[in-house]
């Protein structure tokens, strides 16, 4: 196996242990632009989506607790499937 794309982002994660719920916020999603030197902290990266957007993921095993459901219903957001990997791959395929 070898890397095909660098996906870089900042993650803020929260865990609610009693129900094994994991909530993450991913922001500043960036790609290494065809540079695969993943251990180089200075590789240039470019954003793959509007930097004001945040990807919110909620993962749970059985039941999402009501208090978390209620918090989420108060958010004006669009529900969609997002793959950070696919975002970065699509961005790299564009001609500049």
Protein backbone atom coordinates (compact mmCIF):
# COMPACT_ATOMS: atom_id res chain seq x y z
CA UNK A 1 0.00 0.00 0.00
CA UNK A 2 1.08 3.53 -0.68
CA UNK A 3 -0.57 6.89 -0.05
CA UNK A 4 -2.43 8.47 -2.96
CA UNK A 5 -3.56 11.72 -1.36
CA UNK A 6 -2.88 13.74 1.76
CA UNK A 7 -5.96 14.73 3.74
CA UNK A 8 -5.23 17.29 6.44
CA UNK A 9 -7.76 18.78 8.85
CA UNK A 10 -8.31 19.98 12.39
CA UNK A 11 -10.57 17.76 14.51
CA UNK A 12 -12.39 18.57 17.72
CA UNK A 13 -13.84 15.39 19.27
CA UNK A 14 -16.27 14.74 22.11
CA UNK A 15 -17.33 11.43 23.63
CA UNK A 16 -20.40 10.66 25.70
CA UNK A 17 -19.32 7.43 27.36
CA UNK A 18 -22.55 6.02 28.83
CA UNK A 19 -24.10 5.54 25.36
CA UNK A 20 -20.82 5.34 23.40
CA UNK A 21 -21.63 8.45 21.33
CA UNK A 22 -18.83 10.20 19.47
CA UNK A 23 -19.25 13.70 18.04
CA UNK A 24 -16.53 15.26 15.90
CA UNK A 25 -16.12 18.62 14.21
CA UNK A 26 -13.65 18.66 11.30
CA UNK A 27 -12.56 22.00 9.86
CA UNK A 28 -9.89 23.46 7.60
CA UNK A 29 -9.94 20.37 5.35
CA UNK A 30 -6.96 20.57 3.02
CA UNK A 31 -5.11 18.48 0.45
CA UNK A 32 -1.40 18.10 -0.17
CA UNK A 33 -1.84 18.83 -3.90
CA UNK A 34 -0.10 15.77 -5.34
CA UNK A 35 2.62 15.90 -2.68
CA UNK A 36 2.70 12.58 -0.82
CA UNK A 37 5.44 13.35 1.70
CA UNK A 38 3.03 12.85 4.61
CA UNK A 39 5.70 13.17 7.30
CA UNK A 40 6.84 16.59 6.10
CA UNK A 41 5.09 19.20 8.29
CA UNK A 42 5.88 21.93 5.75
CA UNK A 43 4.25 20.53 2.61
CA UNK A 44 2.03 23.10 0.95
CA UNK A 45 -1.67 22.39 1.29
CA UNK A 46 -4.78 23.93 -0.23
CA UNK A 47 -8.33 24.06 1.13
CA UNK A 48 -10.80 21.73 -0.59
CA UNK A 49 -13.95 23.47 0.66
CA UNK A 50 -15.01 26.81 2.06
CA UNK A 51 -12.99 27.34 5.22
CA UNK A 52 -16.10 28.65 7.02
CA UNK A 53 -17.74 25.21 6.74
CA UNK A 54 -17.39 22.50 9.37
CA UNK A 55 -18.07 18.78 9.00
CA UNK A 56 -20.05 17.48 11.98
CA UNK A 57 -20.16 13.72 12.49
CA UNK A 58 -22.27 11.94 15.08
CA UNK A 59 -21.55 8.25 15.62
CA UNK A 60 -23.44 5.99 17.98
CA UNK A 61 -24.05 2.27 18.39
CA UNK A 62 -27.64 1.77 19.47
CA UNK A 63 -29.59 4.85 20.45
CA UNK A 64 -28.79 8.52 20.17
CA UNK A 65 -29.63 10.08 23.56
CA UNK A 66 -32.54 12.54 23.49
CA UNK A 67 -30.48 15.44 24.82
CA UNK A 68 -28.05 15.10 21.89
CA UNK A 69 -30.95 14.78 19.41
CA UNK A 70 -32.41 17.98 20.81
CA UNK A 71 -29.10 19.80 20.48
CA UNK A 72 -28.77 18.70 16.85
CA UNK A 73 -32.29 19.79 15.90
CA UNK A 74 -31.38 23.34 16.91
CA UNK A 75 -28.56 23.51 14.36
CA UNK A 76 -29.30 25.02 10.96
CA UNK A 77 -27.30 22.58 8.89
CA UNK A 78 -27.63 20.43 5.83
CA UNK A 79 -27.48 16.68 6.36
CA UNK A 80 -25.28 14.98 3.80
CA UNK A 81 -22.64 12.33 3.33
CA UNK A 82 -19.16 13.85 3.15
CA UNK A 83 -15.92 12.02 2.49
CA UNK A 84 -12.82 14.06 3.21
CA UNK A 85 -10.83 11.63 1.07
CA UNK A 86 -13.15 12.11 -1.93
CA UNK A 87 -13.09 15.90 -1.51
CA UNK A 88 -9.29 15.87 -1.66
CA UNK A 89 -9.12 13.45 -4.59
CA UNK A 90 -11.60 15.51 -6.63
CA UNK A 91 -9.71 18.69 -5.90
CA UNK A 92 -6.43 17.18 -7.11
CA UNK A 93 -7.98 16.05 -10.38
CA UNK A 94 -8.88 19.62 -11.38
CA UNK A 95 -6.63 21.41 -13.85
CA UNK A 96 -5.06 24.63 -12.63
